[in-house]
Amino acid sequence: MKYVHLLFLILVSTILLSSCSASRLLSSWNDNSLGKKVTIDPILVIGVAKHDETKRRIYEDTFVDSLQAVGTKAMASYTLSKSQIAPTETALREVIRKSSARTVLITHMVSSNEKGFLQPSSRIMGTNSYSNYRLFRYYPYIYGSVSAPSSYISTTKVILETSLYDIETEKLIWTARTESIDPVMTRKYYQQLIDIFLDDLTDKKIL
């Protein structure tokens, strides 16, 4: 029985680990009136990261590298503005002027929510599994399971939105949202997100 119990714990741990930092596409939209593939490069990549210049630079660099890898010209906004671009039209226009970009791609965090739940004892119970247990063995076993300590588990859900705008018309070309569970803000995580965005841009025939 101890061996079965151990296998169960390993299985649960594997599932929990595999779910960490999992990301998926929640939704996407593009302007169908554009018809055929539009010319979008050079692209100015802007990451909006509150009070974290390092994360902003890593994200922008990763997105620029990924775009260039598929033959699309792009540049990171931090190379034109050392600090986060001020939230004004004047500040944004000044950076765009320096870039000579045709489109602007902006990523920001929509929400970050942490939820917790109580994980009960991991013992597997049921008379079908332990039909060889007689009454006076069964009762102490289930009592021990009920009395076993539970654990508190918390997960964080992060939703990001990336939008591509045409500079000349100021119209939205494409936008998409992703959802990530327990993300670790590293270049590997950013690459995972960017790959999702690029796949959708390709499917929509924008790239």
N, C-alpha and C. Protein backbone atom coordinates (compact mmCIF):
# COMPACT_ATOMS: atom_id res chain seq x y z
N MET A 1 0.82 -1.21 0.00
CA MET A 1 0.00 0.00 0.00
C MET A 1 0.86 1.27 0.00
N LYS A 2 1.99 1.20 0.72
CA LYS A 2 2.86 2.37 0.75
C LYS A 2 3.39 2.68 -0.64
N TYR A 3 3.65 1.62 -1.44
CA TYR A 3 4.16 1.82 -2.79
C TYR A 3 3.13 2.51 -3.67
N VAL A 4 1.86 2.09 -3.54
CA VAL A 4 0.78 2.71 -4.31
C VAL A 4 0.63 4.17 -3.91
N HIS A 5 0.72 4.42 -2.60
CA HIS A 5 0.59 5.78 -2.09
C HIS A 5 1.72 6.67 -2.63
N LEU A 6 2.93 6.12 -2.70
CA LEU A 6 4.07 6.87 -3.21
C LEU A 6 3.89 7.21 -4.68
N LEU A 7 3.41 6.24 -5.45
CA LEU A 7 3.17 6.48 -6.87
C LEU A 7 2.14 7.59 -7.07
N PHE A 8 1.13 7.60 -6.21
CA PHE A 8 0.10 8.64 -6.31
C PHE A 8 0.69 10.01 -6.06
N LEU A 9 1.55 10.13 -5.04
CA LEU A 9 2.17 11.41 -4.73
C LEU A 9 3.06 11.88 -5.87
N ILE A 10 3.79 10.95 -6.50
CA ILE A 10 4.66 11.30 -7.62
C ILE A 10 3.83 11.80 -8.79
N LEU A 11 2.69 11.12 -9.02
CA LEU A 11 1.81 11.51 -10.12
C LEU A 11 1.25 12.91 -9.91
N VAL A 12 0.80 13.20 -8.69
CA VAL A 12 0.25 14.52 -8.37
C VAL A 12 1.31 15.59 -8.54
N SER A 13 2.53 15.31 -8.06
CA SER A 13 3.62 16.28 -8.17
C SER A 13 3.96 16.57 -9.62
N THR A 14 3.95 15.52 -10.44
CA THR A 14 4.26 15.68 -11.87
C THR A 14 3.23 16.55 -12.55
N ILE A 15 1.95 16.34 -12.23
CA ILE A 15 0.88 17.13 -12.82
C ILE A 15 1.00 18.59 -12.42
N LEU A 16 1.29 18.83 -11.15
CA LEU A 16 1.41 20.20 -10.67
C LEU A 16 2.59 20.91 -11.32
N LEU A 17 3.71 20.21 -11.45
CA LEU A 17 4.89 20.81 -12.05
C LEU A 17 4.69 21.10 -13.53
N SER A 18 4.02 20.17 -14.21
CA SER A 18 3.81 20.36 -15.64
C SER A 18 2.85 21.50 -15.93
N SER A 19 1.99 21.83 -14.93
CA SER A 19 1.03 22.91 -15.13
C SER A 19 1.63 24.28 -14.85
N CYS A 20 2.79 24.31 -14.17
CA CYS A 20 3.40 25.58 -13.83
C CYS A 20 3.85 26.31 -15.10
N SER A 21 3.63 27.60 -15.10
CA SER A 21 4.02 28.45 -16.22
C SER A 21 3.37 28.05 -17.54
N ALA A 22 2.29 27.29 -17.47
CA ALA A 22 1.57 26.93 -18.70
C ALA A 22 0.85 28.16 -19.23
N SER A 23 0.98 28.40 -20.53
CA SER A 23 0.34 29.56 -21.15
C SER A 23 -0.52 29.11 -22.32
N ARG A 24 -1.57 29.87 -22.56
CA ARG A 24 -2.45 29.54 -23.69
C ARG A 24 -3.05 30.83 -24.24
N LEU A 25 -3.49 30.75 -25.50
CA LEU A 25 -4.15 31.88 -26.13
C LEU A 25 -5.60 31.92 -25.68
N LEU A 26 -6.00 33.05 -25.11
CA LEU A 26 -7.38 33.21 -24.66
C LEU A 26 -8.29 33.69 -25.79
N SER A 27 -7.84 34.70 -26.50
CA SER A 27 -8.66 35.27 -27.57
C SER A 27 -7.78 36.08 -28.50
N SER A 28 -8.27 36.32 -29.71
CA SER A 28 -7.56 37.19 -30.64
C SER A 28 -8.55 37.79 -31.63
N TRP A 29 -8.15 38.92 -32.18
CA TRP A 29 -9.00 39.63 -33.15
C TRP A 29 -8.10 40.32 -34.15
N ASN A 30 -8.54 40.38 -35.40
CA ASN A 30 -7.82 41.16 -36.38
C ASN A 30 -8.80 41.84 -37.33
N ASP A 31 -8.36 42.90 -37.97
CA ASP A 31 -9.20 43.67 -38.87
C ASP A 31 -9.32 42.95 -40.21
N ASN A 32 -10.43 42.27 -40.41
CA ASN A 32 -10.64 41.50 -41.64
C ASN A 32 -10.75 42.38 -42.88
N SER A 33 -11.04 43.66 -42.67
CA SER A 33 -11.19 44.56 -43.82
C SER A 33 -9.87 44.81 -44.52
N LEU A 34 -8.76 44.45 -43.86
CA LEU A 34 -7.46 44.65 -44.47
C LEU A 34 -7.22 43.69 -45.62
N GLY A 35 -7.98 42.60 -45.61
CA GLY A 35 -7.89 41.64 -46.70
C GLY A 35 -6.56 40.92 -46.72
N LYS A 36 -5.79 41.10 -47.79
CA LYS A 36 -4.53 40.38 -47.94
C LYS A 36 -3.51 40.85 -46.89
N LYS A 37 -2.40 40.14 -46.86
CA LYS A 37 -1.33 40.44 -45.90
C LYS A 37 -0.88 41.89 -46.02
N VAL A 38 -0.82 42.58 -44.88
CA VAL A 38 -0.42 43.99 -44.86
C VAL A 38 1.06 44.10 -44.52
N THR A 39 1.65 45.21 -44.95
CA THR A 39 3.05 45.45 -44.62
C THR A 39 3.11 46.12 -43.25
N ILE A 40 3.75 45.45 -42.30
CA ILE A 40 3.73 45.96 -40.93
C ILE A 40 5.10 46.37 -40.42
N ASP A 41 6.15 46.03 -41.14
CA ASP A 41 7.46 46.38 -40.61
C ASP A 41 8.03 47.62 -41.30
N PRO A 42 8.89 48.32 -40.57
CA PRO A 42 9.45 48.02 -39.25
C PRO A 42 8.41 48.16 -38.12
N ILE A 43 8.56 47.30 -37.10
CA ILE A 43 7.65 47.31 -35.95
C ILE A 43 8.39 47.88 -34.73
N LEU A 44 7.74 48.79 -34.04
CA LEU A 44 8.26 49.30 -32.77
C LEU A 44 7.63 48.48 -31.65
N VAL A 45 8.44 47.75 -30.91
CA VAL A 45 7.96 46.88 -29.84
C VAL A 45 8.02 47.62 -28.50
N ILE A 46 6.88 47.72 -27.85
CA ILE A 46 6.80 48.40 -26.56
C ILE A 46 6.24 47.45 -25.51
N GLY A 47 7.00 47.25 -24.45
CA GLY A 47 6.52 46.48 -23.31
C GLY A 47 6.23 47.42 -22.16
N VAL A 48 5.03 47.35 -21.62
CA VAL A 48 4.65 48.22 -20.50
C VAL A 48 4.81 47.42 -19.21
N ALA A 49 5.89 47.69 -18.47
CA ALA A 49 6.18 46.96 -17.23
C ALA A 49 6.28 47.96 -16.10
N LYS A 50 5.39 47.88 -15.15
CA LYS A 50 5.33 48.83 -14.05
C LYS A 50 6.54 48.69 -13.13
N HIS A 51 7.33 49.76 -13.05
CA HIS A 51 8.46 49.84 -12.12
C HIS A 51 9.48 48.72 -12.31
N ASP A 52 9.62 48.18 -13.50
CA ASP A 52 10.61 47.12 -13.70
C ASP A 52 11.23 47.26 -15.09
N GLU A 53 12.27 48.04 -15.16
CA GLU A 53 12.94 48.32 -16.42
C GLU A 53 13.63 47.08 -16.98
N THR A 54 14.15 46.23 -16.11
CA THR A 54 14.84 45.03 -16.56
C THR A 54 13.90 44.10 -17.31
N LYS A 55 12.73 43.85 -16.74
CA LYS A 55 11.75 42.98 -17.39
C LYS A 55 11.31 43.56 -18.73
N ARG A 56 11.13 44.86 -18.74
CA ARG A 56 10.73 45.52 -19.99
C ARG A 56 11.76 45.28 -21.09
N ARG A 57 13.03 45.45 -20.77
CA ARG A 57 14.08 45.29 -21.76
C ARG A 57 14.20 43.84 -22.24
N ILE A 58 14.12 42.90 -21.30
CA ILE A 58 14.21 41.49 -21.68
C ILE A 58 13.05 41.12 -22.59
N TYR A 59 11.84 41.57 -22.24
CA TYR A 59 10.67 41.24 -23.05
C TYR A 59 10.79 41.83 -24.46
N GLU A 60 11.15 43.10 -24.53
CA GLU A 60 11.26 43.74 -25.83
C GLU A 60 12.35 43.11 -26.69
N ASP A 61 13.48 42.81 -26.08
CA ASP A 61 14.57 42.15 -26.83
C ASP A 61 14.13 40.79 -27.36
N THR A 62 13.42 40.04 -26.53
CA THR A 62 12.97 38.71 -26.93
C THR A 62 11.99 38.79 -28.09
N PHE A 63 11.08 39.76 -28.03
CA PHE A 63 10.10 39.91 -29.10
C PHE A 63 10.78 40.37 -30.39
N VAL A 64 11.71 41.32 -30.29
CA VAL A 64 12.43 41.81 -31.47
C VAL A 64 13.22 40.67 -32.12
N ASP A 65 13.94 39.89 -31.30
CA ASP A 65 14.73 38.77 -31.83
C ASP A 65 13.82 37.76 -32.54
N SER A 66 12.65 37.51 -31.97
CA SER A 66 11.72 36.53 -32.54
C SER A 66 11.15 37.02 -33.86
N LEU A 67 10.83 38.31 -33.94
CA LEU A 67 10.32 38.89 -35.18
C LEU A 67 11.38 38.88 -36.27
N GLN A 68 12.58 39.25 -35.91
CA GLN A 68 13.66 39.27 -36.89
C GLN A 68 13.99 37.86 -37.39
N ALA A 69 13.79 36.88 -36.53
CA ALA A 69 14.05 35.48 -36.91
C ALA A 69 13.11 35.00 -38.01
N VAL A 70 11.93 35.64 -38.11
CA VAL A 70 10.98 35.26 -39.17
C VAL A 70 10.97 36.29 -40.30
N GLY A 71 12.02 37.11 -40.33
CA GLY A 71 12.18 38.04 -41.44
C GLY A 71 11.42 39.34 -41.34
N THR A 72 11.03 39.73 -40.12
CA THR A 72 10.30 40.98 -39.92
C THR A 72 11.18 41.98 -39.16
N LYS A 73 11.36 43.16 -39.72
CA LYS A 73 12.18 44.18 -39.07
C LYS A 73 11.47 44.71 -37.82
N ALA A 74 12.22 44.86 -36.74
CA ALA A 74 11.63 45.34 -35.49
C ALA A 74 12.71 46.00 -34.64
N MET A 75 12.26 46.84 -33.71
CA MET A 75 13.18 47.50 -32.79
C MET A 75 12.52 47.65 -31.42
N ALA A 76 13.34 47.61 -30.38
CA ALA A 76 12.85 47.74 -29.01
C ALA A 76 12.74 49.21 -28.62
N SER A 77 11.67 49.54 -27.93
CA SER A 77 11.44 50.94 -27.58
C SER A 77 12.49 51.46 -26.60
N TYR A 78 13.07 50.57 -25.78
CA TYR A 78 14.02 51.05 -24.78
C TYR A 78 15.30 51.57 -25.43
N THR A 79 15.56 51.17 -26.69
CA THR A 79 16.74 51.68 -27.38
C THR A 79 16.54 53.13 -27.82
N LEU A 80 15.29 53.58 -27.78
CA LEU A 80 14.96 54.95 -28.16
C LEU A 80 14.53 55.79 -26.97
N SER A 81 14.11 55.12 -25.90
CA SER A 81 13.68 55.80 -24.68
C SER A 81 14.19 55.00 -23.50
N LYS A 82 15.19 55.52 -22.81
CA LYS A 82 15.84 54.77 -21.74
C LYS A 82 14.87 54.43 -20.61
N SER A 83 13.95 55.32 -20.34
CA SER A 83 12.95 55.04 -19.30
C SER A 83 11.62 54.70 -19.97
N GLN A 84 10.68 54.21 -19.18
CA GLN A 84 9.36 53.88 -19.71
C GLN A 84 8.76 55.12 -20.39
N ILE A 85 8.14 54.92 -21.55
CA ILE A 85 7.56 56.03 -22.29
C ILE A 85 6.42 56.64 -21.48
N ALA A 86 6.46 57.94 -21.31
CA ALA A 86 5.40 58.62 -20.55
C ALA A 86 4.05 58.40 -21.24
N PRO A 87 2.97 58.30 -20.45
CA PRO A 87 1.64 58.01 -21.01
C PRO A 87 0.98 59.24 -21.63
N THR A 88 1.67 59.83 -22.59
CA THR A 88 1.11 60.99 -23.29
C THR A 88 1.30 60.80 -24.79
N GLU A 89 0.45 61.45 -25.57
CA GLU A 89 0.56 61.37 -27.03
C GLU A 89 1.88 61.95 -27.51
N THR A 90 2.30 63.04 -26.88
CA THR A 90 3.54 63.70 -27.28
C THR A 90 4.74 62.78 -27.10
N ALA A 91 4.80 62.11 -25.95
CA ALA A 91 5.93 61.22 -25.67
C ALA A 91 5.96 60.04 -26.62
N LEU A 92 4.79 59.46 -26.88
CA LEU A 92 4.73 58.31 -27.79
C LEU A 92 5.09 58.73 -29.22
N ARG A 93 4.58 59.86 -29.65
CA ARG A 93 4.89 60.33 -31.01
C ARG A 93 6.38 60.60 -31.18
N GLU A 94 7.03 61.08 -30.15
CA GLU A 94 8.46 61.38 -30.22
C GLU A 94 9.27 60.10 -30.41
N VAL A 95 8.90 59.04 -29.68
CA VAL A 95 9.61 57.77 -29.82
C VAL A 95 9.34 57.16 -31.19
N ILE A 96 8.10 57.25 -31.66
CA ILE A 96 7.76 56.73 -32.99
C ILE A 96 8.53 57.47 -34.08
N ARG A 97 8.67 58.79 -33.91
CA ARG A 97 9.41 59.59 -34.89
C ARG A 97 10.85 59.12 -34.99
N LYS A 98 11.45 58.81 -33.84
CA LYS A 98 12.83 58.35 -33.83
C LYS A 98 12.98 56.98 -34.48
N SER A 99 11.93 56.18 -34.39
CA SER A 99 12.00 54.79 -34.86
C SER A 99 11.78 54.62 -36.35
N SER A 100 11.02 55.53 -36.96
CA SER A 100 10.61 55.39 -38.37
C SER A 100 9.83 54.10 -38.59
N ALA A 101 9.12 53.67 -37.56
CA ALA A 101 8.35 52.43 -37.64
C ALA A 101 7.05 52.64 -38.42
N ARG A 102 6.52 51.55 -38.95
CA ARG A 102 5.26 51.60 -39.66
C ARG A 102 4.10 51.18 -38.73
N THR A 103 4.42 50.29 -37.79
CA THR A 103 3.42 49.83 -36.83
C THR A 103 4.02 49.81 -35.43
N VAL A 104 3.15 49.80 -34.43
CA VAL A 104 3.56 49.72 -33.04
C VAL A 104 2.90 48.51 -32.40
N LEU A 105 3.70 47.69 -31.72
CA LEU A 105 3.19 46.50 -31.03
C LEU A 105 3.37 46.73 -29.53
N ILE A 106 2.28 46.77 -28.79
CA ILE A 106 2.31 47.10 -27.36
C ILE A 106 1.78 45.93 -26.54
N THR A 107 2.54 45.54 -25.52
CA THR A 107 2.13 44.47 -24.61
C THR A 107 1.98 45.03 -23.20
N HIS A 108 0.88 44.69 -22.54
CA HIS A 108 0.70 45.10 -21.14
C HIS A 108 -0.03 44.00 -20.37
N MET A 109 0.09 44.05 -19.06
CA MET A 109 -0.59 43.09 -18.20
C MET A 109 -2.02 43.56 -17.96
N VAL A 110 -2.98 42.69 -18.24
CA VAL A 110 -4.38 43.01 -18.02
C VAL A 110 -4.76 42.74 -16.57
N SER A 111 -4.31 41.60 -16.03
CA SER A 111 -4.62 41.27 -14.64
C SER A 111 -3.66 40.21 -14.12
N SER A 112 -3.53 40.17 -12.80
CA SER A 112 -2.74 39.16 -12.12
C SER A 112 -3.47 38.81 -10.83
N ASN A 113 -4.05 37.62 -10.79
CA ASN A 113 -4.87 37.21 -9.64
C ASN A 113 -4.31 35.96 -8.99
N GLU A 114 -4.20 36.00 -7.66
CA GLU A 114 -3.74 34.84 -6.91
C GLU A 114 -4.92 34.20 -6.20
N LYS A 115 -5.03 32.90 -6.33
CA LYS A 115 -6.10 32.15 -5.67
C LYS A 115 -5.50 30.99 -4.89
N GLY A 116 -6.08 30.73 -3.74
CA GLY A 116 -5.61 29.63 -2.92
C GLY A 116 -6.71 28.64 -2.63
N PHE A 117 -6.33 27.40 -2.41
CA PHE A 117 -7.32 26.39 -2.04
C PHE A 117 -6.66 25.35 -1.14
N LEU A 118 -7.50 24.68 -0.37
CA LEU A 118 -7.03 23.68 0.58
C LEU A 118 -6.94 22.33 -0.10
N GLN A 119 -5.75 21.74 -0.09
CA GLN A 119 -5.54 20.42 -0.67
C GLN A 119 -5.68 19.39 0.45
N PRO A 120 -6.72 18.54 0.42
CA PRO A 120 -6.90 17.56 1.48
C PRO A 120 -5.82 16.50 1.46
N SER A 121 -5.88 15.60 2.44
CA SER A 121 -4.94 14.50 2.50
C SER A 121 -4.93 13.75 1.18
N SER A 122 -3.75 13.31 0.75
CA SER A 122 -3.62 12.69 -0.57
C SER A 122 -3.89 11.19 -0.57
N ARG A 123 -4.31 10.63 0.55
CA ARG A 123 -4.60 9.21 0.57
C ARG A 123 -5.82 8.89 -0.30
N ILE A 124 -5.74 7.80 -1.04
CA ILE A 124 -6.84 7.36 -1.87
C ILE A 124 -7.75 6.47 -1.04
N MET A 125 -9.01 6.87 -0.96
CA MET A 125 -9.94 6.11 -0.13
C MET A 125 -11.02 5.47 -0.99
N GLY A 126 -11.65 4.45 -0.46
CA GLY A 126 -12.77 3.81 -1.14
C GLY A 126 -12.79 2.32 -0.88
N THR A 127 -13.96 1.78 -0.68
CA THR A 127 -14.07 0.35 -0.37
C THR A 127 -13.72 -0.51 -1.57
N ASN A 128 -13.86 0.02 -2.79
CA ASN A 128 -13.51 -0.77 -3.98
C ASN A 128 -12.01 -1.02 -4.04
N SER A 129 -11.23 -0.01 -3.61
CA SER A 129 -9.77 -0.15 -3.64
C SER A 129 -9.25 -1.04 -2.51
N TYR A 130 -9.98 -1.06 -1.43
CA TYR A 130 -9.51 -1.79 -0.25
C TYR A 130 -10.58 -2.79 0.20
N SER A 131 -11.07 -3.57 -0.73
CA SER A 131 -12.16 -4.49 -0.40
C SER A 131 -11.71 -5.62 0.52
N ASN A 132 -10.38 -5.82 0.62
CA ASN A 132 -9.88 -6.88 1.51
C ASN A 132 -9.77 -6.40 2.95
N TYR A 133 -10.08 -5.11 3.17
CA TYR A 133 -10.03 -4.59 4.54
C TYR A 133 -11.30 -5.00 5.28
N ARG A 134 -11.12 -5.66 6.39
CA ARG A 134 -12.26 -5.96 7.24
C ARG A 134 -12.58 -4.75 8.10
N LEU A 135 -13.72 -4.78 8.74
CA LEU A 135 -14.24 -3.64 9.49
C LEU A 135 -13.22 -3.02 10.43
N PHE A 136 -12.56 -3.87 11.25
CA PHE A 136 -11.70 -3.32 12.30
C PHE A 136 -10.33 -2.89 11.80
N ARG A 137 -10.04 -3.14 10.51
CA ARG A 137 -8.85 -2.58 9.88
C ARG A 137 -9.21 -1.35 9.07
N TYR A 138 -10.41 -1.39 8.50
CA TYR A 138 -10.86 -0.30 7.63
C TYR A 138 -11.05 0.99 8.42
N TYR A 139 -11.69 0.89 9.58
CA TYR A 139 -11.99 2.09 10.35
C TYR A 139 -10.74 2.84 10.77
N PRO A 140 -9.71 2.19 11.35
CA PRO A 140 -8.50 2.93 11.73
C PRO A 140 -7.82 3.58 10.52
N TYR A 141 -7.90 2.91 9.35
CA TYR A 141 -7.22 3.45 8.18
C TYR A 141 -7.87 4.74 7.71
N ILE A 142 -9.19 4.74 7.58
CA ILE A 142 -9.86 5.95 7.10
C ILE A 142 -9.79 7.05 8.15
N TYR A 143 -9.76 6.68 9.41
CA TYR A 143 -9.63 7.68 10.47
C TYR A 143 -8.30 8.42 10.33
N GLY A 144 -7.25 7.63 10.04
CA GLY A 144 -5.94 8.24 9.86
C GLY A 144 -5.91 9.17 8.66
N SER A 145 -6.66 8.81 7.61
CA SER A 145 -6.70 9.65 6.42
C SER A 145 -7.39 10.98 6.71
N VAL A 146 -8.51 10.90 7.41
CA VAL A 146 -9.25 12.11 7.75
C VAL A 146 -8.42 13.01 8.66
N SER A 147 -7.63 12.41 9.53
CA SER A 147 -6.83 13.18 10.48
C SER A 147 -5.52 13.68 9.89
N ALA A 148 -5.14 13.17 8.72
CA ALA A 148 -3.87 13.57 8.11
C ALA A 148 -3.89 15.05 7.76
N PRO A 149 -2.76 15.72 7.89
CA PRO A 149 -2.72 17.16 7.63
C PRO A 149 -2.98 17.49 6.16
N SER A 150 -3.67 18.58 5.94
CA SER A 150 -3.90 19.06 4.59
C SER A 150 -2.87 20.12 4.26
N SER A 151 -2.85 20.57 3.03
CA SER A 151 -1.90 21.60 2.63
C SER A 151 -2.62 22.70 1.88
N TYR A 152 -2.05 23.91 1.95
CA TYR A 152 -2.64 25.07 1.28
C TYR A 152 -1.84 25.35 0.02
N ILE A 153 -2.51 25.40 -1.11
CA ILE A 153 -1.85 25.62 -2.40
C ILE A 153 -2.40 26.90 -3.02
N SER A 154 -1.50 27.73 -3.54
CA SER A 154 -1.93 28.96 -4.19
C SER A 154 -1.43 28.98 -5.63
N THR A 155 -2.21 29.55 -6.52
CA THR A 155 -1.82 29.69 -7.92
C THR A 155 -2.06 31.13 -8.35
N THR A 156 -1.24 31.59 -9.28
CA THR A 156 -1.37 32.95 -9.81
C THR A 156 -1.69 32.88 -11.30
N LYS A 157 -2.73 33.58 -11.69
CA LYS A 157 -3.15 33.63 -13.09
C LYS A 157 -2.83 35.02 -13.64
N VAL A 158 -2.03 35.05 -14.71
CA VAL A 158 -1.63 36.32 -15.32
C VAL A 158 -2.19 36.38 -16.74
N ILE A 159 -2.84 37.49 -17.08
CA ILE A 159 -3.38 37.70 -18.42
C ILE A 159 -2.65 38.89 -19.06
N LEU A 160 -2.07 38.65 -20.22
CA LEU A 160 -1.38 39.70 -20.97
C LEU A 160 -2.10 39.97 -22.28
N GLU A 161 -2.02 41.21 -22.72
CA GLU A 161 -2.62 41.60 -23.99
C GLU A 161 -1.56 42.26 -24.87
N THR A 162 -1.50 41.84 -26.13
CA THR A 162 -0.60 42.44 -27.10
C THR A 162 -1.42 42.97 -28.26
N SER A 163 -1.17 44.22 -28.65
CA SER A 163 -1.94 44.87 -29.72
C SER A 163 -1.01 45.48 -30.74
N LEU A 164 -1.39 45.36 -32.02
CA LEU A 164 -0.61 45.90 -33.13
C LEU A 164 -1.40 47.02 -33.80
N TYR A 165 -0.81 48.20 -33.82
CA TYR A 165 -1.48 49.39 -34.38
C TYR A 165 -0.74 49.90 -35.62
N ASP A 166 -1.50 50.35 -36.60
CA ASP A 166 -0.94 51.04 -37.75
C ASP A 166 -0.71 52.50 -37.36
N ILE A 167 0.50 53.00 -37.56
CA ILE A 167 0.83 54.35 -37.11
C ILE A 167 0.13 55.42 -37.95
N GLU A 168 0.08 55.23 -39.26
CA GLU A 168 -0.48 56.26 -40.14
C GLU A 168 -1.96 56.47 -39.89
N THR A 169 -2.73 55.38 -39.78
CA THR A 169 -4.18 55.50 -39.58
C THR A 169 -4.56 55.49 -38.10
N GLU A 170 -3.62 55.05 -37.23
CA GLU A 170 -3.85 54.91 -35.80
C GLU A 170 -4.89 53.83 -35.48
N LYS A 171 -5.15 52.96 -36.45
CA LYS A 171 -6.16 51.91 -36.25
C LYS A 171 -5.54 50.61 -35.75
N LEU A 172 -6.35 49.86 -35.01
CA LEU A 172 -5.91 48.56 -34.50
C LEU A 172 -5.93 47.52 -35.63
N ILE A 173 -4.81 46.85 -35.81
CA ILE A 173 -4.71 45.81 -36.84
C ILE A 173 -5.03 44.44 -36.25
N TRP A 174 -4.49 44.19 -35.05
CA TRP A 174 -4.59 42.86 -34.43
C TRP A 174 -4.41 43.00 -32.93
N THR A 175 -5.09 42.16 -32.16
CA THR A 175 -4.89 42.12 -30.72
C THR A 175 -5.16 40.71 -30.21
N ALA A 176 -4.46 40.32 -29.16
CA ALA A 176 -4.62 38.97 -28.60
C ALA A 176 -4.32 38.99 -27.11
N ARG A 177 -4.94 38.03 -26.40
CA ARG A 177 -4.70 37.87 -24.97
C ARG A 177 -4.25 36.45 -24.66
N THR A 178 -3.31 36.35 -23.72
CA THR A 178 -2.85 35.05 -23.25
C THR A 178 -3.09 34.92 -21.75
N GLU A 179 -3.20 33.69 -21.32
CA GLU A 179 -3.35 33.40 -19.89
C GLU A 179 -2.22 32.47 -19.47
N SER A 180 -1.55 32.82 -18.37
CA SER A 180 -0.45 32.00 -17.84
C SER A 180 -0.73 31.67 -16.39
N ILE A 181 -0.38 30.44 -16.01
CA ILE A 181 -0.56 29.99 -14.62
C ILE A 181 0.81 29.90 -13.95
N ASP A 182 0.96 30.60 -12.85
CA ASP A 182 2.20 30.61 -12.06
C ASP A 182 3.44 30.90 -12.92
N PRO A 183 3.43 31.99 -13.68
CA PRO A 183 4.59 32.27 -14.53
C PRO A 183 5.78 32.76 -13.72
N VAL A 184 6.96 32.43 -14.21
CA VAL A 184 8.21 32.95 -13.67
C VAL A 184 8.75 33.92 -14.72
N MET A 185 8.91 35.18 -14.34
CA MET A 185 9.23 36.22 -15.32
C MET A 185 10.67 36.13 -15.80
N THR A 186 10.92 35.16 -16.68
CA THR A 186 12.23 34.97 -17.27
C THR A 186 12.11 35.05 -18.78
N ARG A 187 13.26 35.08 -19.46
CA ARG A 187 13.24 35.13 -20.92
C ARG A 187 12.55 33.89 -21.49
N LYS A 188 12.70 32.75 -20.84
CA LYS A 188 12.05 31.52 -21.30
C LYS A 188 10.53 31.67 -21.29
N TYR A 189 10.00 32.27 -20.23
CA TYR A 189 8.55 32.50 -20.15
C TYR A 189 8.11 33.50 -21.22
N TYR A 190 8.86 34.58 -21.38
CA TYR A 190 8.52 35.56 -22.40
C TYR A 190 8.52 34.93 -23.79
N GLN A 191 9.50 34.06 -24.04
CA GLN A 191 9.59 33.41 -25.35
C GLN A 191 8.36 32.54 -25.60
N GLN A 192 7.90 31.86 -24.55
CA GLN A 192 6.70 31.03 -24.67
C GLN A 192 5.49 31.87 -25.07
N LEU A 193 5.35 33.02 -24.43
CA LEU A 193 4.24 33.92 -24.76
C LEU A 193 4.37 34.45 -26.18
N ILE A 194 5.55 34.90 -26.52
CA ILE A 194 5.78 35.50 -27.83
C ILE A 194 5.53 34.49 -28.95
N ASP A 195 5.91 33.25 -28.73
CA ASP A 195 5.65 32.20 -29.72
C ASP A 195 4.15 32.05 -29.96
N ILE A 196 3.37 32.16 -28.89
CA ILE A 196 1.91 32.08 -29.03
C ILE A 196 1.40 33.25 -29.87
N PHE A 197 1.89 34.45 -29.58
CA PHE A 197 1.47 35.63 -30.35
C PHE A 197 1.89 35.51 -31.82
N LEU A 198 3.12 35.07 -32.05
CA LEU A 198 3.61 34.95 -33.42
C LEU A 198 2.83 33.90 -34.21
N ASP A 199 2.50 32.80 -33.56
CA ASP A 199 1.70 31.76 -34.23
C ASP A 199 0.36 32.32 -34.67
N ASP A 200 -0.25 33.13 -33.81
CA ASP A 200 -1.55 33.70 -34.17
C ASP A 200 -1.41 34.74 -35.28
N LEU A 201 -0.37 35.55 -35.21
CA LEU A 201 -0.13 36.53 -36.27
C LEU A 201 0.10 35.84 -37.62
N THR A 202 0.77 34.69 -37.57
CA THR A 202 1.00 33.94 -38.80
C THR A 202 -0.29 33.32 -39.32
N ASP A 203 -1.08 32.77 -38.40
CA ASP A 203 -2.37 32.17 -38.79
C ASP A 203 -3.29 33.22 -39.42
N LYS A 204 -3.22 34.44 -38.90
CA LYS A 204 -4.05 35.52 -39.42
C LYS A 204 -3.47 36.15 -40.69
N LYS A 205 -2.32 35.61 -41.13
CA LYS A 205 -1.62 36.10 -42.34
C LYS A 205 -1.19 37.56 -42.23
N ILE A 206 -0.86 37.95 -41.00
CA ILE A 206 -0.35 39.30 -40.78
C ILE A 206 1.19 39.29 -40.89
N LEU A 207 1.79 38.17 -40.45
CA LEU A 207 3.23 37.98 -40.63
C LEU A 207 3.48 37.13 -41.87
